Amino acid sequence: MRLDANEFLIRSRAVIAGVDADNEGEVIEAGGVLVRDGLIAAIGDFEDLRRANPDLPVEGGSGAIVFPGLINGHHHSGLTPFQLGVPYGPLEFWLPQFRGMRYVGHRLDTLYSAIEMLESGTTTVLHIHPGLSGSSDDWTSLSDSVIGAYRDIGMRVSFSFMIRDRNQLVHEDDAPFLKKLPKDEAEYWRPKLEASKAPVSEHMRWFEDRKSAWAASDADRVSWQLAPANLHWCSDKTLIAIFETARKTASKVHMHLVETCLQAEFAQRHYGKSAVRHLADLGCLGENLTLGHGIWVDDEDLDLIAGCGCCVCHNVSSGLRLASGVAPVNDMLRRRIPVALGIDQAGINDDRDMLQEMRLVWALHREPGLRSFRPSAAHVFRMASEHGAATTGFEGRIGRLDVGKAADIVLVDWDDIARPFIDDGIPIVDALLMRARQMPAETVFVGGKKVVSQGKVTCIDRQAVLKEIADRLNSAPDAQEQEARRRTKDLLGHIEDWFTTAYPPSSRPRYRFNALAESD
């Protein structure tokens, strides 16, 4: 079959169309999908579809498990910090070390993680770029490079960029912190920090222009949204401007919030209330907002989030690897808060395997107790599909296999899942979640175009990409890179001293899953 065929059938052992209102997988045994012009034209029994369309080419087969393309709802960059020499540790000490990392360029970096996402069944990504610096021409060049890489490999992308106007290194503004540094160190860092603090009004004008341009150019594959970095990184004035622009342009907003206990404490110290309550008082909570992480929220916060219709993006591997904590996902689900999933910088295996991330979510939130609420495999499947879609700007078009939706479709091999045996009583969704192997996607379509075949991406030369990355990073660091690493190491010592003084050790709640479970 031609990769660009406009119409074809998909045959399966079972089609997982989505999850129903009772959180059960909607499964069509021996199902089929008719794809026409990039959309799902029909779905049902394969033999019925075959009889109605006898001359169409057929993808898949009697051993294929078919399901909607997964959505990575929170992603930043390609090569992981660990690969680039940054060991995992508390977020406040981990993030500053990025300033000493080497970089292979926007296109290669994007393609690297996109390969891993597609080959594990992720067809859409919410890309949150770490930030913008330089002139608006530089911003356009950066965004075009990143978006262009996703388009070339065949993914959908919701693009955003983190916006900060204060406190870039510690929980006080840059100027007073830099005054505490030795003069030569302050002089090195000052211009770099200033370069990433463009006036928010300029950011907003540029965002409106680029969102409009991409809507005209490729609204099917590219959406834009806003990403205020976090409460401690954004002044109230900046937050209000961002959310006003979001309302004006009907844009989604994705905001990191209370990822660590220190971020929660920052809000209490500076506002006398929780971060969620402060956003509510500013008028920033609403259905267009997704809160990234949301680990250190309390019951009152969750009630506010549930009442306003916000989504939360759960980044389970990130919370564990960075010792940030465990989000109260079960409490969110009890309140019917939509929960999406993100892999953040990397999953538990330092890659972007969404099915593996889903398995970790399922396992981590199994509260002890005979009658405790625990998410089912179907709950988690919905997080990575339908709920993820709701955060992207492509909502209503992806996340399920329904007539009229985009043909973003993943096929995995049942034999790889079931080898040597799975009892017929095990639901298909559970089997997929529990036993999918690493990078399991055999075939992937995005908008009806085949972008993965026999487990490998088809639209780019993956080996050439990996070789070019290896060649660049195996070369000796240049003088500028060596200085950045040295300066960053010195800076980290000052940052550690600042946080140790500002936040002396105190009693913290234990991990939520260690609390005694309710007996009923």
Protein backbone atom coordinates (compact mmCIF):
# COMPACT_ATOMS: atom_id res chain seq x y z
CA MET A 1 0.00 0.00 0.00
CA ARG A 2 1.28 3.54 -0.75
CA LEU A 3 2.09 5.59 2.33
CA ASP A 4 -0.08 8.43 1.01
CA ALA A 5 -3.10 6.30 0.05
CA ASN A 6 -6.29 8.27 0.65
CA GLU A 7 -8.47 5.29 1.58
CA PHE A 8 -7.73 1.96 3.25
CA LEU A 9 -8.95 -0.52 5.84
CA ILE A 10 -7.35 -1.59 9.11
CA ARG A 11 -7.93 -5.13 10.34
CA SER A 12 -7.50 -6.14 13.97
CA ARG A 13 -7.85 -8.76 16.62
CA ALA A 14 -9.46 -5.97 18.65
CA VAL A 15 -10.03 -2.23 18.29
CA ILE A 16 -9.94 -0.14 21.46
CA ALA A 17 -12.02 2.85 20.42
CA GLY A 18 -11.75 4.60 23.78
CA VAL A 19 -13.18 4.45 27.28
CA ASP A 20 -16.88 4.71 28.13
CA ALA A 21 -18.66 6.64 30.90
CA ASP A 22 -18.29 3.67 33.27
CA ASN A 23 -14.52 3.61 32.73
CA GLU A 24 -14.62 0.42 30.72
CA GLY A 25 -12.69 -0.04 27.52
CA GLU A 26 -14.84 0.26 24.38
CA VAL A 27 -13.54 -2.79 22.52
CA ILE A 28 -14.63 -4.14 19.15
CA GLU A 29 -13.46 -7.74 18.77
CA ALA A 30 -12.23 -8.54 15.25
CA GLY A 31 -12.87 -4.89 14.52
CA GLY A 32 -11.99 -2.79 11.55
CA VAL A 33 -11.47 0.87 10.72
CA LEU A 34 -12.13 2.53 7.38
CA VAL A 35 -9.80 5.50 6.81
CA ARG A 36 -10.57 8.03 4.13
CA ASP A 37 -8.69 11.30 3.49
CA GLY A 38 -7.04 11.23 6.88
CA LEU A 39 -10.25 10.71 8.86
CA ILE A 40 -12.09 7.73 10.27
CA ALA A 41 -14.96 7.08 7.86
CA ALA A 42 -16.34 3.95 9.56
CA ILE A 43 -15.54 1.64 12.45
CA GLY A 44 -17.05 -1.74 13.26
CA ASP A 45 -16.78 -5.40 12.36
CA PHE A 46 -13.91 -5.86 9.93
CA GLU A 47 -15.65 -8.43 7.76
CA ASP A 48 -18.64 -6.13 7.30
CA LEU A 49 -16.34 -3.26 6.31
CA ARG A 50 -14.44 -5.57 3.97
CA ARG A 51 -17.57 -6.70 2.19
CA ALA A 52 -18.60 -3.08 1.69
CA ASN A 53 -15.12 -2.11 0.45
CA PRO A 54 -13.68 -5.19 -1.26
CA ASP A 55 -11.05 -3.42 -3.32
CA LEU A 56 -9.37 -1.33 -0.63
CA PRO A 57 -5.88 -2.15 0.64
CA VAL A 58 -5.72 -3.56 4.17
CA GLU A 59 -3.32 -2.69 6.98
CA GLY A 60 -2.88 -4.68 10.17
CA GLY A 61 -4.13 -8.21 10.48
CA SER A 62 -5.87 -10.73 12.71
CA GLY A 63 -3.23 -10.28 15.45
CA ALA A 64 -3.24 -6.48 15.66
CA ILE A 65 -4.47 -4.49 18.65
CA VAL A 66 -5.62 -1.09 17.40
CA PHE A 67 -6.07 2.02 19.55
CA PRO A 68 -6.02 5.83 19.28
CA GLY A 69 -2.70 7.62 19.14
CA LEU A 70 -1.50 8.55 22.62
CA ILE A 71 -0.87 12.13 23.77
CA ASN A 72 2.20 13.29 25.70
CA GLY A 73 0.67 16.23 27.54
CA HIS A 74 3.86 17.75 28.99
CA HIS A 75 7.18 17.67 27.15
CA HIS A 76 10.22 19.96 26.99
CA SER A 77 13.21 18.71 25.04
CA GLY A 78 14.93 15.87 23.21
CA LEU A 79 18.15 14.56 24.70
CA THR A 80 17.53 14.06 28.41
CA PRO A 81 19.42 16.05 31.05
CA PHE A 82 20.82 12.77 32.35
CA GLN A 83 22.33 12.01 28.93
CA LEU A 84 23.87 15.47 28.94
CA GLY A 85 25.55 15.10 32.32
CA VAL A 86 22.93 16.33 34.82
CA PRO A 87 22.16 13.75 37.52
CA TYR A 88 18.67 13.69 38.98
CA GLY A 89 18.07 15.54 42.24
CA PRO A 90 15.70 18.06 43.81
CA LEU A 91 14.20 20.36 41.19
CA GLU A 92 15.58 23.55 42.71
CA PHE A 93 19.15 22.20 42.34
CA TRP A 94 18.51 20.29 39.11
CA LEU A 95 17.13 23.00 36.82
CA PRO A 96 20.06 25.46 37.18
CA GLN A 97 22.44 22.80 35.87
CA PHE A 98 20.73 22.97 32.47
CA ARG A 99 22.68 26.17 31.88
CA GLY A 100 25.85 24.10 31.55
CA MET A 101 24.47 21.45 29.19
CA ARG A 102 25.58 21.11 25.60
CA TYR A 103 22.99 21.46 22.86
CA VAL A 104 22.74 19.86 19.42
CA GLY A 105 20.32 22.39 17.95
CA HIS A 106 16.54 22.67 17.85
CA ARG A 107 15.86 20.30 14.96
CA LEU A 108 18.05 17.38 16.00
CA ASP A 109 17.01 17.66 19.62
CA THR A 110 13.32 17.63 18.69
CA LEU A 111 13.68 14.71 16.29
CA TYR A 112 15.44 12.58 18.91
CA SER A 113 12.52 12.54 21.37
CA ALA A 114 9.96 12.48 18.55
CA ILE A 115 11.43 9.18 17.34
CA GLU A 116 10.95 7.66 20.78
CA MET A 117 7.43 9.03 21.10
CA LEU A 118 6.19 7.79 17.73
CA GLU A 119 7.77 4.37 18.10
CA SER A 120 5.95 3.91 21.42
CA GLY A 121 2.58 5.06 20.06
CA THR A 122 2.51 8.78 20.93
CA THR A 123 1.17 10.76 18.00
CA THR A 124 0.61 14.19 19.60
CA VAL A 125 2.87 16.18 21.92
CA LEU A 126 2.38 19.32 23.97
CA HIS A 127 5.82 20.88 23.53
CA ILE A 128 6.70 23.43 26.24
CA HIS A 129 9.91 25.05 25.09
CA PRO A 130 12.17 26.07 27.99
CA GLY A 131 12.08 29.73 26.97
CA LEU A 132 12.91 32.36 24.37
CA SER A 133 15.86 34.73 24.17
CA GLY A 134 17.21 37.24 21.70
CA SER A 135 15.00 39.08 19.24
CA SER A 136 11.58 38.15 17.90
CA ASP A 137 13.33 36.94 14.73
CA ASP A 138 15.26 34.48 16.91
CA TRP A 139 12.01 33.34 18.52
CA THR A 140 10.46 32.72 15.11
CA SER A 141 13.49 30.79 13.91
CA LEU A 142 13.43 28.62 17.05
CA SER A 143 9.71 27.84 16.90
CA ASP A 144 9.82 27.16 13.16
CA SER A 145 12.71 24.72 13.67
CA VAL A 146 10.96 22.82 16.45
CA ILE A 147 7.56 22.72 14.75
CA GLY A 148 9.19 21.86 11.42
CA ALA A 149 10.90 18.83 12.98
CA TYR A 150 7.60 17.51 14.34
CA ARG A 151 5.90 18.05 10.99
CA ASP A 152 8.72 16.30 9.13
CA ILE A 153 8.57 13.21 11.32
CA GLY A 154 4.75 13.19 11.14
CA MET A 155 3.56 14.17 14.65
CA ARG A 156 0.97 16.68 15.74
CA VAL A 157 2.36 19.40 18.02
CA SER A 158 0.83 21.92 20.38
CA PHE A 159 3.68 24.43 20.75
CA SER A 160 4.25 26.73 23.71
CA PHE A 161 7.16 28.54 25.36
CA MET A 162 7.78 29.10 29.06
CA ILE A 163 7.37 32.73 30.13
CA ARG A 164 9.26 34.14 33.13
CA ASP A 165 9.74 37.68 34.32
CA ARG A 166 11.34 37.14 37.73
CA ASN A 167 13.17 34.79 40.11
CA GLN A 168 14.95 32.80 37.41
CA LEU A 169 17.57 31.24 39.69
CA VAL A 170 16.12 31.20 43.21
CA HIS A 171 12.95 32.39 44.95
CA GLU A 172 13.99 36.03 44.87
CA ASP A 173 14.45 38.30 41.90
CA ASP A 174 17.60 38.11 39.81
CA ALA A 175 19.13 41.48 40.69
CA PRO A 176 19.43 41.03 44.48
CA PHE A 177 20.64 37.46 44.04
CA LEU A 178 23.32 38.48 41.55
CA LYS A 179 24.56 41.13 43.97
CA LYS A 180 25.50 38.33 46.35
CA LEU A 181 27.77 36.66 43.75
CA PRO A 182 31.42 37.45 43.06
CA LYS A 183 31.61 40.27 40.53
CA ASP A 184 32.90 38.21 37.59
CA GLU A 185 30.21 35.58 38.10
CA ALA A 186 27.46 38.18 38.29
CA GLU A 187 28.76 39.84 35.12
CA TYR A 188 28.69 36.50 33.30
CA TRP A 189 25.11 35.64 34.26
CA ARG A 190 23.42 39.05 34.20
CA PRO A 191 23.10 39.40 30.40
CA LYS A 192 22.00 35.80 30.01
CA LEU A 193 19.19 36.28 32.49
CA GLU A 194 18.15 39.59 30.97
CA ALA A 195 18.00 38.03 27.48
CA SER A 196 15.21 35.67 28.54
CA LYS A 197 13.07 38.39 30.20
CA ALA A 198 11.54 40.15 27.19
CA PRO A 199 8.58 42.36 28.09
CA VAL A 200 5.44 40.29 28.29
CA SER A 201 3.63 42.65 25.90
CA GLU A 202 6.20 41.82 23.22
CA HIS A 203 5.80 38.11 23.91
CA MET A 204 2.03 38.40 23.59
CA ARG A 205 2.17 40.32 20.29
CA TRP A 206 4.55 37.75 18.85
CA PHE A 207 2.40 34.86 20.12
CA GLU A 208 -0.72 36.28 18.46
CA ASP A 209 1.14 36.74 15.18
CA ARG A 210 2.67 33.25 15.12
CA LYS A 211 -0.52 31.50 16.25
CA SER A 212 -2.41 33.22 13.45
CA ALA A 213 0.29 32.37 10.89
CA TRP A 214 0.31 28.69 11.79
CA ALA A 215 -3.47 28.51 11.88
CA ALA A 216 -3.42 29.63 8.26
CA SER A 217 -0.51 27.37 7.35
CA ASP A 218 -1.27 24.05 9.10
CA ALA A 219 -4.18 24.13 11.54
CA ASP A 220 -4.55 20.37 11.20
CA ARG A 221 -1.16 19.46 12.68
CA VAL A 222 -0.04 22.56 14.62
CA SER A 223 -1.66 24.43 17.50
CA TRP A 224 -0.26 27.11 19.79
CA GLN A 225 -0.84 27.76 23.46
CA LEU A 226 0.60 29.85 26.29
CA ALA A 227 2.81 28.60 29.09
CA PRO A 228 3.39 30.87 32.10
CA ALA A 229 6.30 29.04 33.68
CA ASN A 230 5.16 28.89 37.32
CA LEU A 231 3.82 31.15 40.02
CA HIS A 232 7.22 32.00 41.48
CA TRP A 233 8.55 32.78 37.98
CA CYS A 234 5.67 35.07 36.94
CA SER A 235 4.51 38.33 38.49
CA ASP A 236 0.78 38.95 38.82
CA LYS A 237 0.99 41.54 36.05
CA THR A 238 2.49 38.98 33.69
CA LEU A 239 -0.05 36.31 34.61
CA ILE A 240 -2.97 38.65 34.00
CA ALA A 241 -1.55 39.65 30.60
CA ILE A 242 -1.07 36.01 29.61
CA PHE A 243 -4.57 34.96 30.57
CA GLU A 244 -6.08 38.01 28.88
CA THR A 245 -4.27 37.03 25.68
CA ALA A 246 -5.48 33.45 26.08
CA ARG A 247 -9.08 34.62 26.32
CA LYS A 248 -8.66 37.06 23.42
CA THR A 249 -7.20 34.36 21.14
CA ALA A 250 -9.22 31.39 22.46
CA SER A 251 -5.96 29.70 23.45
CA LYS A 252 -5.14 26.95 25.87
CA VAL A 253 -2.80 27.66 28.80
CA HIS A 254 -0.42 25.14 30.36
CA MET A 255 1.17 26.23 33.65
CA HIS A 256 3.56 24.39 35.95
CA LEU A 257 2.25 24.68 39.51
CA VAL A 258 3.24 23.41 42.99
CA GLU A 259 5.59 20.81 41.59
CA THR A 260 7.63 20.89 44.83
CA CYS A 261 6.88 21.55 48.47
CA LEU A 262 9.05 24.70 48.31
CA GLN A 263 6.86 26.10 45.54
CA ALA A 264 3.82 25.56 47.74
CA GLU A 265 5.60 27.26 50.62
CA PHE A 266 6.59 30.18 48.36
CA ALA A 267 2.92 30.90 47.70
CA GLN A 268 2.03 30.83 51.37
CA ARG A 269 4.92 33.15 52.27
CA HIS A 270 4.28 35.69 49.52
CA TYR A 271 0.49 35.63 49.22
CA GLY A 272 -0.74 34.12 52.47
CA LYS A 273 -2.68 31.52 50.51
CA SER A 274 -2.13 28.52 48.25
CA ALA A 275 -0.91 28.90 44.69
CA VAL A 276 -4.24 27.59 43.38
CA ARG A 277 -6.21 30.03 45.53
CA HIS A 278 -4.02 32.90 44.29
CA LEU A 279 -4.68 31.97 40.66
CA ALA A 280 -8.39 31.79 41.42
CA ASP A 281 -8.32 35.25 42.99
CA LEU A 282 -6.55 36.61 39.89
CA GLY A 283 -9.29 35.16 37.70
CA CYS A 284 -6.90 32.72 36.01
CA LEU A 285 -8.65 29.40 36.69
CA GLY A 286 -10.86 28.13 33.92
CA GLU A 287 -11.56 25.38 31.42
CA ASN A 288 -8.74 26.52 29.12
CA LEU A 289 -6.10 25.91 31.82
CA THR A 290 -4.03 22.79 32.43
CA LEU A 291 -1.95 22.66 35.59
CA GLY A 292 1.29 20.74 35.14
CA HIS A 293 2.31 18.51 38.09
CA GLY A 294 -0.04 19.76 40.86
CA ILE A 295 1.74 17.60 43.42
CA TRP A 296 1.43 19.84 46.49
CA VAL A 297 -2.28 20.68 46.37
CA ASP A 298 -4.68 20.24 49.27
CA ASP A 299 -8.37 19.42 49.42
CA GLU A 300 -9.45 23.05 49.10
CA ASP A 301 -7.23 23.43 46.03
CA LEU A 302 -8.73 20.33 44.47
CA ASP A 303 -12.26 21.58 45.08
CA LEU A 304 -11.36 24.86 43.31
CA ILE A 305 -9.83 23.00 40.38
CA ALA A 306 -12.83 20.70 40.08
CA GLY A 307 -15.24 23.62 40.21
CA CYS A 308 -13.54 25.63 37.47
CA GLY A 309 -13.07 22.79 34.98
CA CYS A 310 -9.27 22.87 34.90
CA CYS A 311 -7.29 19.84 33.76
CA VAL A 312 -4.24 18.52 35.59
CA CYS A 313 -1.32 16.93 33.76
CA HIS A 314 0.24 14.20 35.87
CA ASN A 315 3.98 13.66 35.31
CA VAL A 316 4.61 10.63 37.45
CA SER A 317 8.21 9.76 36.47
CA SER A 318 9.29 13.35 36.93
CA GLY A 319 7.86 13.54 40.44
CA LEU A 320 9.70 10.38 41.44
CA ARG A 321 13.04 11.06 39.76
CA LEU A 322 13.31 14.59 41.12
CA ALA A 323 12.06 13.69 44.61
CA SER A 324 9.22 16.16 44.14
CA GLY A 325 6.53 13.87 45.50
CA VAL A 326 3.42 12.02 44.36
CA ALA A 327 0.40 13.91 43.07
CA PRO A 328 -2.96 13.04 44.72
CA VAL A 329 -4.34 11.60 41.49
CA ASN A 330 -6.94 9.43 43.19
CA ASP A 331 -8.39 12.48 44.94
CA MET A 332 -8.50 14.22 41.56
CA LEU A 333 -10.33 11.31 39.97
CA ARG A 334 -12.83 11.17 42.84
CA ARG A 335 -13.67 14.79 42.06
CA ARG A 336 -13.89 14.04 38.32
CA ILE A 337 -11.00 16.37 37.53
CA PRO A 338 -9.72 15.49 34.05
CA VAL A 339 -6.19 14.11 34.42
CA ALA A 340 -3.83 13.95 31.44
CA LEU A 341 -0.38 12.36 31.35
CA GLY A 342 2.99 13.87 30.50
CA ILE A 343 6.44 12.32 30.32
CA ASP A 344 8.13 15.67 31.05
CA GLN A 345 11.90 15.50 30.44
CA ALA A 346 11.90 11.70 30.43
CA GLY A 347 10.11 8.61 31.69
CA ILE A 348 11.31 6.17 34.30
CA ASN A 349 13.67 4.50 31.78
CA ASP A 350 15.04 7.87 30.61
CA ASP A 351 13.03 7.63 27.40
CA ARG A 352 9.57 8.62 26.10
CA ASP A 353 7.66 5.34 26.19
CA MET A 354 4.08 6.39 27.01
CA LEU A 355 2.75 2.87 27.65
CA GLN A 356 5.48 2.40 30.22
CA GLU A 357 4.55 5.73 31.81
CA MET A 358 0.93 4.59 31.94
CA ARG A 359 1.94 1.37 33.67
CA LEU A 360 3.83 3.35 36.31
CA VAL A 361 0.81 5.60 36.92
CA TRP A 362 -1.44 2.57 37.34
CA ALA A 363 0.95 0.92 39.82
CA LEU A 364 1.88 3.97 41.89
CA HIS A 365 -1.68 4.98 42.74
CA ARG A 366 -2.83 1.61 44.04
CA GLU A 367 -3.66 2.75 47.55
CA PRO A 368 -3.55 0.09 50.25
CA GLY A 369 -6.78 -1.21 51.73
CA LEU A 370 -9.41 -3.72 50.75
CA ARG A 371 -11.93 -1.14 49.54
CA SER A 372 -9.68 1.75 48.56
CA PHE A 373 -10.28 3.52 45.27
CA ARG A 374 -7.64 2.70 42.68
CA PRO A 375 -7.47 3.77 39.03
CA SER A 376 -8.21 1.01 36.56
CA ALA A 377 -6.27 0.39 33.37
CA ALA A 378 -9.12 2.13 31.54
CA HIS A 379 -8.78 5.22 33.77
CA VAL A 380 -5.12 5.46 32.83
CA PHE A 381 -5.80 4.80 29.14
CA ARG A 382 -8.22 7.73 29.09
CA MET A 383 -5.59 9.96 30.73
CA ALA A 384 -3.18 9.27 27.88
CA SER A 385 -5.76 9.61 25.14
CA GLU A 386 -9.04 11.52 25.52
CA HIS A 387 -7.99 13.65 28.50
CA GLY A 388 -4.63 14.36 26.93
CA ALA A 389 -6.40 15.51 23.77
CA ALA A 390 -8.41 18.03 25.78
CA THR A 391 -5.21 19.88 26.74
CA THR A 392 -3.78 20.32 23.26
CA GLY A 393 -6.00 22.54 21.16
CA PHE A 394 -6.91 19.50 19.05
CA GLU A 395 -9.73 18.43 21.37
CA GLY A 396 -12.66 16.83 19.61
CA ARG A 397 -10.42 15.69 16.76
CA ILE A 398 -8.09 13.19 18.47
CA GLY A 399 -7.99 10.93 21.53
CA ARG A 400 -10.66 8.44 20.41
CA LEU A 401 -11.44 6.30 17.38
CA ASP A 402 -14.81 7.64 16.26
CA VAL A 403 -16.26 8.41 12.85
CA GLY A 404 -15.14 11.87 11.80
CA LYS A 405 -12.09 12.02 14.04
CA ALA A 406 -8.53 12.10 12.75
CA ALA A 407 -7.06 8.74 11.81
CA ASP A 408 -4.32 8.87 14.47
CA ILE A 409 -4.09 5.13 15.00
CA VAL A 410 -1.59 2.76 16.63
CA LEU A 411 -1.20 -0.95 15.92
CA VAL A 412 0.67 -3.29 18.24
CA ASP A 413 1.19 -7.03 17.89
CA TRP A 414 -0.98 -9.18 20.16
CA ASP A 415 1.58 -11.99 20.06
CA ASP A 416 4.18 -9.70 21.64
CA ILE A 417 1.73 -8.89 24.45
CA ALA A 418 0.30 -12.38 24.98
CA ARG A 419 3.42 -14.51 24.58
CA PRO A 420 3.15 -17.29 25.65
CA PHE A 421 -0.40 -16.98 26.98
CA ILE A 422 -3.04 -14.61 28.40
CA ASP A 423 -6.36 -15.89 29.68
CA ASP A 424 -9.41 -14.77 27.69
CA GLY A 425 -10.88 -13.25 30.85
CA ILE A 426 -8.25 -10.50 30.97
CA PRO A 427 -9.61 -7.31 29.38
CA ILE A 428 -7.72 -6.14 26.31
CA VAL A 429 -6.99 -2.71 27.80
CA ASP A 430 -5.49 -4.34 30.90
CA ALA A 431 -3.37 -6.71 28.81
CA LEU A 432 -2.07 -3.84 26.69
CA LEU A 433 -1.17 -1.76 29.74
CA MET A 434 0.42 -4.56 31.74
CA ARG A 435 2.40 -6.38 29.06
CA ALA A 436 3.33 -4.04 26.21
CA ARG A 437 7.06 -4.26 25.55
CA GLN A 438 9.34 -1.25 25.32
CA MET A 439 8.67 0.91 22.23
CA PRO A 440 5.91 -1.50 21.12
CA ALA A 441 4.26 0.30 18.19
CA GLU A 442 4.38 -1.85 15.07
CA THR A 443 2.52 0.61 12.84
CA VAL A 444 1.39 4.18 13.48
CA PHE A 445 -0.78 6.48 11.39
CA VAL A 446 -1.21 10.21 11.92
CA GLY A 447 -4.00 11.71 9.89
CA GLY A 448 -4.08 8.51 7.86
CA LYS A 449 -0.40 8.75 6.91
CA LYS A 450 1.85 5.88 7.93
CA VAL A 451 4.62 7.35 10.08
CA VAL A 452 5.85 4.14 11.75
CA SER A 453 6.25 0.82 9.93
CA GLN A 454 7.70 -2.38 11.40
CA GLY A 455 8.46 -0.46 14.57
CA LYS A 456 10.54 2.32 12.97
CA VAL A 457 9.70 5.86 11.88
CA THR A 458 9.27 6.22 8.12
CA CYS A 459 9.46 9.94 7.38
CA ILE A 460 13.06 10.62 8.40
CA ASP A 461 16.33 8.69 8.40
CA ARG A 462 16.45 7.76 12.08
CA GLN A 463 19.97 6.33 11.92
CA ALA A 464 21.28 9.49 10.29
CA VAL A 465 19.69 11.60 13.04
CA LEU A 466 21.18 9.45 15.80
CA LYS A 467 24.59 9.44 14.13
CA GLU A 468 24.64 13.20 13.71
CA ILE A 469 23.76 13.68 17.38
CA ALA A 470 26.45 11.22 18.46
CA ASP A 471 29.07 12.83 16.23
CA ARG A 472 28.35 16.30 17.58
CA LEU A 473 28.34 15.33 21.24
CA ASN A 474 31.33 12.99 21.02
CA SER A 475 33.45 15.88 19.79
CA ALA A 476 35.34 17.85 22.42
CA PRO A 477 33.40 20.72 24.04
CA ASP A 478 34.45 24.08 22.68
CA ALA A 479 35.74 26.92 24.88
CA GLN A 480 32.27 28.44 25.30
CA GLU A 481 30.75 25.12 26.34
CA GLN A 482 33.57 24.48 28.80
CA GLU A 483 33.09 27.90 30.38
CA ALA A 484 29.32 27.39 30.64
CA ARG A 485 29.84 24.11 32.49
CA ARG A 486 32.42 25.63 34.86
CA ARG A 487 30.32 28.72 35.54
CA THR A 488 27.23 26.62 36.14
CA LYS A 489 29.03 24.43 38.66
CA ASP A 490 30.08 27.54 40.62
CA LEU A 491 26.57 29.01 40.36
CA LEU A 492 25.00 25.84 41.74
CA GLY A 493 26.95 26.25 44.98
CA HIS A 494 25.49 29.72 45.51
CA ILE A 495 21.98 28.46 44.70
CA GLU A 496 22.29 25.60 47.18
CA ASP A 497 23.42 28.03 49.87
CA TRP A 498 20.49 30.35 49.14
CA PHE A 499 17.85 27.64 49.41
CA THR A 500 19.43 26.12 52.52
CA THR A 501 19.20 29.49 54.27
CA ALA A 502 15.79 30.50 52.92
CA TYR A 503 14.10 27.14 53.58
CA PRO A 504 15.57 25.50 56.68
CA PRO A 505 14.59 21.87 57.23
CA SER A 506 11.07 21.45 58.54
CA SER A 507 8.53 18.71 59.00
CA ARG A 508 7.04 17.67 55.66
CA PRO A 509 4.10 15.36 55.01
CA ARG A 510 5.08 11.83 54.15
CA TYR A 511 4.32 10.44 50.74
CA ARG A 512 0.59 10.36 50.30
CA PHE A 513 0.44 6.64 49.57
CA ASN A 514 1.99 5.91 52.99
CA ALA A 515 -1.07 7.34 54.76
CA LEU A 516 -3.45 4.80 56.26
CA ALA A 517 -6.20 3.93 53.79
CA GLU A 518 -9.83 4.38 54.68
CA SER A 519 -11.53 1.18 55.76
CA ASP A 520 -14.58 1.70 53.57
